[in-house]
Amino acid sequence: MSDALARGLDRVAAITERLHHSRAARLIFIALLAASALSLMLARPGQVENQIVREATPAEIGISSLGTYVRVTGILDVNGAYRTQYRLGIIQLQGGRYIPLTVPDSFSAVYVLDEGVPSHTPGEFVTIVGQVVPGVGAQPTVFIQPGYPPDVVLAQTVARVGGVALAMLIGLALLGGGIRRLDYALPAPSGASTTAHDAPDLLWFGSLGREYDDAIVRSAAVTFQATPFEGRLSGSDWHVPIRRLRLAHLFTLATRWGSLPAARVWFEDNRGLHRRGVIAARRADVLDAVLQVLSRMR
């Protein structure tokens, strides 16, 4: 069971490493992050009550109705319609057209913006649903802008989903950053067995340094060579020089072979640069021997 969990943790670290180095994954993540953040802008707190469309007559619509949605029935008096005009220097601009809505035997009327007015027969009753909005400038003091209220409930749901998605994305980013800080080498569960007979003798997890454009490898089989001045972990066509071991932290590492004894090391390389990485070994005595050799170098 512990070996299966160790392999699972290693798989998580491997996937995280591939995603960090994938341009497509970064672009998708940024797109999802932006979409989640934008969805929060759909939130309409306190506007659920504006979803109600109340029945009204032209006489009942006034300043107190601003911002509400109404359903009003009457006759559109096209002869009393007027269009606002604005002058910009020598240019005259045409604004909206407003038509009074009346009912027989009543002197009250309310203006309706003709954009969005349903098709109807002139002189006959028409029912209009819209929002009561205040006029500006040459517009009527109060008029109806045809249209049904936005689906605030849906918008609120989308905003909540976006908020949860945003929190999850931020959490994943923080988790991925933590795994990266660990050089994509995750500790195995406490008490896990460190027997993996098919694993290489030595493994390296971490950066290869500036000489190799700071490329990062994990689960890379290496050999160890020592001189009086430095230790060297060598891979297939690269090497990691360790001039001075500054600190080593022993732990049990989760790998695809199971749990292995390992050491997270902080060291100076042959250029005097401070670096870090993880050395793992198939056997604890091999790891101890490597660390003892490195610790004697000054």
Protein backbone atom coordinates (compact mmCIF):
# COMPACT_ATOMS: atom_id res chain seq x y z
CA MET A 1 0.00 0.00 0.00
CA SER A 2 2.79 2.44 0.94
CA ASP A 3 4.65 1.67 -2.31
CA ALA A 4 1.49 2.37 -4.31
CA LEU A 5 1.07 5.69 -2.50
CA ALA A 6 4.74 6.55 -3.12
CA ARG A 7 4.35 5.82 -6.84
CA GLY A 8 1.21 7.95 -6.87
CA LEU A 9 3.04 10.88 -5.28
CA ASP A 10 5.86 10.48 -7.77
CA ARG A 11 3.32 10.55 -10.61
CA VAL A 12 1.83 13.78 -9.23
CA ALA A 13 5.30 15.35 -9.10
CA ALA A 14 6.07 14.16 -12.64
CA ILE A 15 2.82 15.61 -14.02
CA THR A 16 3.46 18.89 -12.21
CA GLU A 17 6.95 19.09 -13.70
CA ARG A 18 5.62 18.49 -17.22
CA LEU A 19 2.88 21.11 -16.79
CA HIS A 20 5.38 23.70 -15.53
CA HIS A 21 7.43 23.25 -18.69
CA SER A 22 4.45 23.18 -21.07
CA ARG A 23 3.65 26.45 -22.84
CA ALA A 24 0.18 25.17 -23.77
CA ALA A 25 -0.56 24.33 -20.13
CA ARG A 26 0.49 27.82 -19.03
CA LEU A 27 -1.73 29.47 -21.64
CA ILE A 28 -4.72 27.29 -20.67
CA PHE A 29 -4.13 28.06 -16.99
CA ILE A 30 -4.01 31.81 -17.66
CA ALA A 31 -7.18 31.59 -19.76
CA LEU A 32 -9.02 29.68 -17.03
CA LEU A 33 -7.77 32.14 -14.42
CA ALA A 34 -9.00 35.10 -16.48
CA ALA A 35 -12.37 33.44 -17.17
CA SER A 36 -12.87 32.67 -13.48
CA ALA A 37 -11.96 36.23 -12.48
CA LEU A 38 -14.29 37.71 -15.12
CA SER A 39 -17.15 35.47 -14.00
CA LEU A 40 -16.98 37.14 -10.58
CA MET A 41 -18.00 40.37 -12.29
CA LEU A 42 -21.37 38.77 -13.05
CA ALA A 43 -22.26 38.81 -9.37
CA ARG A 44 -25.30 40.97 -8.71
CA PRO A 45 -25.72 41.09 -4.92
CA GLY A 46 -28.95 42.74 -3.84
CA GLN A 47 -30.48 42.68 -7.32
CA VAL A 48 -32.57 39.53 -7.03
CA GLU A 49 -35.60 41.67 -6.16
CA ASN A 50 -35.22 43.48 -9.50
CA GLN A 51 -36.20 40.25 -11.21
CA ILE A 52 -39.84 40.95 -10.36
CA VAL A 53 -41.88 42.38 -13.21
CA ARG A 54 -44.89 44.15 -11.73
CA GLU A 55 -48.10 45.11 -13.48
CA ALA A 56 -48.54 48.87 -13.82
CA THR A 57 -50.47 51.55 -15.66
CA PRO A 58 -48.92 54.66 -17.23
CA ALA A 59 -50.27 56.75 -14.37
CA GLU A 60 -48.48 54.60 -11.79
CA ILE A 61 -45.04 54.96 -13.36
CA GLY A 62 -42.93 57.79 -12.01
CA ILE A 63 -39.79 58.66 -10.09
CA SER A 64 -40.60 56.07 -7.42
CA SER A 65 -40.52 53.33 -10.09
CA LEU A 66 -36.94 53.99 -11.22
CA GLY A 67 -34.88 50.83 -11.59
CA THR A 68 -37.87 48.48 -11.47
CA TYR A 69 -39.27 46.34 -14.25
CA VAL A 70 -42.90 46.83 -15.25
CA ARG A 71 -45.44 45.31 -17.58
CA VAL A 72 -47.68 48.02 -18.96
CA THR A 73 -50.45 47.85 -21.58
CA GLY A 74 -51.65 50.77 -23.64
CA ILE A 75 -51.70 52.42 -27.04
CA LEU A 76 -48.55 53.93 -28.56
CA ASP A 77 -49.25 57.45 -29.82
CA VAL A 78 -46.83 57.64 -32.73
CA ASN A 79 -48.03 61.17 -33.55
CA GLY A 80 -46.70 62.36 -30.21
CA ALA A 81 -43.32 60.71 -30.64
CA TYR A 82 -40.15 62.76 -30.68
CA ARG A 83 -36.47 62.11 -31.26
CA THR A 84 -33.66 63.64 -29.26
CA GLN A 85 -30.94 65.52 -31.10
CA TYR A 86 -27.47 66.57 -30.04
CA ARG A 87 -25.16 69.07 -31.67
CA LEU A 88 -21.42 68.47 -31.74
CA GLY A 89 -19.92 71.54 -33.34
CA ILE A 90 -21.33 71.66 -36.86
CA ILE A 91 -22.46 68.03 -36.63
CA GLN A 92 -25.99 67.23 -35.50
CA LEU A 93 -26.43 63.78 -33.99
CA GLN A 94 -29.72 61.85 -33.81
CA GLY A 95 -30.60 60.25 -30.47
CA GLY A 96 -33.32 57.83 -29.45
CA ARG A 97 -36.98 58.05 -30.41
CA TYR A 98 -39.52 58.16 -27.59
CA ILE A 99 -43.20 57.30 -28.03
CA PRO A 100 -45.88 58.12 -25.43
CA LEU A 101 -47.91 55.15 -24.19
CA THR A 102 -51.45 56.03 -23.12
CA VAL A 103 -54.71 54.33 -22.21
CA PRO A 104 -58.19 55.51 -23.17
CA ASP A 105 -59.96 57.94 -20.79
CA SER A 106 -56.67 58.86 -19.11
CA PHE A 107 -54.48 61.92 -19.53
CA SER A 108 -51.46 60.13 -18.12
CA ALA A 109 -48.77 58.84 -20.43
CA VAL A 110 -45.34 57.29 -20.09
CA TYR A 111 -42.68 57.48 -22.76
CA VAL A 112 -41.26 54.31 -24.25
CA LEU A 113 -37.93 54.06 -26.07
CA ASP A 114 -38.85 52.64 -29.47
CA GLU A 115 -35.81 50.35 -29.60
CA GLY A 116 -37.09 46.91 -28.66
CA VAL A 117 -40.78 47.75 -28.88
CA PRO A 118 -42.67 44.60 -29.98
CA SER A 119 -44.36 44.62 -33.37
CA HIS A 120 -47.94 45.82 -33.17
CA THR A 121 -50.79 47.30 -35.17
CA PRO A 122 -50.87 51.12 -34.89
CA GLY A 123 -53.76 52.32 -32.74
CA GLU A 124 -54.24 49.00 -30.96
CA PHE A 125 -53.23 47.90 -27.49
CA VAL A 126 -49.70 46.64 -27.00
CA THR A 127 -48.07 45.17 -23.90
CA ILE A 128 -44.54 46.27 -23.14
CA VAL A 129 -42.14 44.86 -20.54
CA GLY A 130 -39.17 47.02 -19.64
CA GLN A 131 -37.17 48.85 -17.02
CA VAL A 132 -38.06 52.30 -15.79
CA VAL A 133 -34.98 54.49 -16.22
CA PRO A 134 -34.30 58.19 -15.64
CA GLY A 135 -33.83 60.50 -18.59
CA VAL A 136 -30.83 62.74 -19.18
CA GLY A 137 -30.79 66.02 -21.06
CA ALA A 138 -33.44 66.09 -23.78
CA GLN A 139 -34.73 62.65 -22.85
CA PRO A 140 -38.03 62.30 -20.99
CA THR A 141 -37.72 62.61 -17.22
CA VAL A 142 -38.73 58.98 -16.89
CA PHE A 143 -39.14 56.42 -19.66
CA ILE A 144 -39.42 52.69 -20.21
CA GLN A 145 -36.54 50.87 -21.85
CA PRO A 146 -38.05 47.67 -23.32
CA GLY A 147 -36.46 44.41 -22.27
CA TYR A 148 -36.77 41.65 -19.73
CA PRO A 149 -34.64 41.68 -16.57
CA PRO A 150 -31.31 39.85 -16.76
CA ASP A 151 -31.17 36.40 -15.27
CA VAL A 152 -29.57 37.46 -11.98
CA VAL A 153 -29.98 34.00 -10.48
CA LEU A 154 -28.00 32.48 -13.35
CA ALA A 155 -25.42 35.25 -13.12
CA GLN A 156 -25.05 34.67 -9.39
CA THR A 157 -24.63 30.93 -9.97
CA VAL A 158 -21.98 31.53 -12.64
CA ALA A 159 -20.21 33.98 -10.33
CA ARG A 160 -20.21 31.45 -7.47
CA VAL A 161 -18.87 28.72 -9.75
CA GLY A 162 -16.23 31.16 -11.00
CA GLY A 163 -15.25 32.01 -7.43
CA VAL A 164 -14.85 28.34 -6.54
CA ALA A 165 -12.88 27.72 -9.75
CA LEU A 166 -10.65 30.73 -9.04
CA ALA A 167 -9.94 29.48 -5.51
CA MET A 168 -9.14 26.01 -6.86
CA LEU A 169 -6.82 27.42 -9.54
CA ILE A 170 -4.99 29.55 -6.98
CA GLY A 171 -4.74 26.51 -4.71
CA LEU A 172 -3.33 24.41 -7.57
CA ALA A 173 -0.84 27.16 -8.40
CA LEU A 174 0.33 27.30 -4.79
CA LEU A 175 0.53 23.49 -4.64
CA GLY A 176 2.49 23.39 -7.90
CA GLY A 177 4.82 26.09 -6.62
CA GLY A 178 5.42 24.08 -3.45
CA ILE A 179 6.19 20.94 -5.44
CA ARG A 180 8.58 22.94 -7.61
CA ARG A 181 10.33 24.27 -4.50
CA LEU A 182 10.85 20.65 -3.50
CA ASP A 183 12.58 19.99 -6.85
CA TYR A 184 9.65 17.76 -7.84
CA ALA A 185 10.79 15.27 -5.20
CA LEU A 186 7.99 14.55 -2.73
CA PRO A 187 8.46 12.83 0.63
CA ALA A 188 6.99 9.36 0.97
CA PRO A 189 4.40 8.57 3.65
CA SER A 190 5.74 8.21 7.17
CA GLY A 191 6.90 4.68 7.95
CA ALA A 192 7.14 3.65 4.30
CA SER A 193 9.48 0.77 3.45
CA THR A 194 12.67 1.75 1.59
CA THR A 195 13.14 -1.49 -0.29
CA ALA A 196 13.22 -1.03 -4.09
CA HIS A 197 15.57 -3.62 -5.59
CA ASP A 198 15.02 -2.56 -9.19
CA ALA A 199 15.91 1.12 -8.62
CA PRO A 200 19.23 2.62 -9.86
CA ASP A 201 22.02 2.91 -7.31
CA LEU A 202 21.89 6.72 -7.28
CA LEU A 203 19.34 9.27 -8.49
CA TRP A 204 19.37 13.05 -8.91
CA PHE A 205 16.42 15.43 -8.68
CA GLY A 206 16.99 19.11 -9.41
CA SER A 207 18.59 21.69 -11.64
CA LEU A 208 21.64 20.97 -13.80
CA GLY A 209 22.93 24.51 -13.35
CA ARG A 210 23.69 27.39 -15.69
CA GLU A 211 26.04 25.27 -17.76
CA TYR A 212 22.96 23.39 -18.97
CA ASP A 213 20.55 26.38 -19.07
CA ASP A 214 19.18 25.50 -15.61
CA ALA A 215 17.41 22.45 -17.03
CA ILE A 216 15.63 20.38 -14.39
CA VAL A 217 15.72 16.60 -14.25
CA ARG A 218 14.05 14.13 -11.93
CA SER A 219 14.57 10.43 -11.33
CA ALA A 220 17.80 10.69 -13.33
CA ALA A 221 20.25 7.81 -12.75
CA VAL A 222 23.73 9.10 -11.90
CA THR A 223 27.16 7.88 -10.90
CA PHE A 224 29.26 9.49 -8.20
CA GLN A 225 32.91 10.43 -8.51
CA ALA A 226 35.01 12.33 -5.98
CA THR A 227 38.26 14.30 -6.16
CA PRO A 228 40.00 16.09 -3.30
CA PHE A 229 38.19 19.28 -4.30
CA GLU A 230 34.69 18.29 -5.42
CA GLY A 231 32.17 15.55 -5.82
CA ARG A 232 30.49 14.97 -9.15
CA LEU A 233 27.13 13.39 -9.95
CA SER A 234 27.24 12.42 -13.61
CA GLY A 235 24.32 11.61 -15.87
CA SER A 236 24.26 10.51 -19.49
CA ASP A 237 25.68 13.76 -20.93
CA TRP A 238 25.75 16.13 -17.97
CA HIS A 239 27.14 16.42 -14.47
CA VAL A 240 26.40 18.25 -11.22
CA PRO A 241 29.57 19.41 -9.42
CA ILE A 242 29.39 19.77 -5.65
CA ARG A 243 32.31 21.81 -4.30
CA ARG A 244 31.03 22.27 -0.73
CA LEU A 245 28.10 20.61 1.01
CA ARG A 246 26.36 23.21 3.18
CA LEU A 247 23.40 21.22 4.52
CA ALA A 248 21.78 17.81 4.06
CA HIS A 249 18.34 16.78 5.23
CA LEU A 250 17.59 13.06 5.25
CA PHE A 251 14.10 11.85 4.37
CA THR A 252 12.27 9.07 2.55
CA LEU A 253 11.55 9.92 -1.08
CA ALA A 254 8.56 8.84 -3.17
CA THR A 255 9.73 7.51 -6.56
CA ARG A 256 8.30 5.37 -9.32
CA TRP A 257 10.21 2.43 -7.84
CA GLY A 258 8.64 2.99 -4.44
CA SER A 259 10.13 4.66 -1.37
CA LEU A 260 13.89 5.33 -1.33
CA PRO A 261 16.30 6.84 1.22
CA ALA A 262 17.20 10.36 0.10
CA ALA A 263 18.83 13.61 1.15
CA ARG A 264 17.79 17.11 0.22
CA VAL A 265 21.11 18.92 -0.17
CA TRP A 266 22.13 22.57 -0.28
CA PHE A 267 25.59 23.09 -1.73
CA GLU A 268 28.03 25.28 -3.63
CA ASP A 269 28.97 24.23 -7.13
CA ASN A 270 32.32 24.71 -8.91
CA ARG A 271 31.39 28.33 -9.66
CA GLY A 272 30.60 29.13 -6.05
CA LEU A 273 26.87 29.35 -6.75
CA HIS A 274 24.45 28.20 -4.07
CA ARG A 275 22.22 25.42 -5.33
CA ARG A 276 20.01 22.66 -4.05
CA GLY A 277 18.71 19.28 -5.15
CA VAL A 278 17.88 15.78 -3.98
CA ILE A 279 20.13 12.72 -3.99
CA ALA A 280 18.38 9.36 -3.63
CA ALA A 281 19.91 5.90 -3.41
CA ARG A 282 18.72 2.32 -3.64
CA ARG A 283 20.41 1.56 -0.32
CA ALA A 284 20.83 3.75 2.74
CA ASP A 285 24.52 2.79 3.17
CA VAL A 286 25.30 4.05 -0.36
CA LEU A 287 23.63 7.39 0.40
CA ASP A 288 25.51 7.68 3.70
CA ALA A 289 28.82 7.00 1.98
CA VAL A 290 28.18 9.73 -0.64
CA LEU A 291 27.21 12.26 2.01
CA GLN A 292 30.27 11.44 4.12
CA VAL A 293 32.56 12.05 1.17
CA LEU A 294 30.83 15.33 0.33
CA SER A 295 30.93 16.52 3.94
CA ARG A 296 34.75 16.20 4.04
CA MET A 297 35.22 18.66 1.17
CA ARG A 298 36.04 22.22 2.25
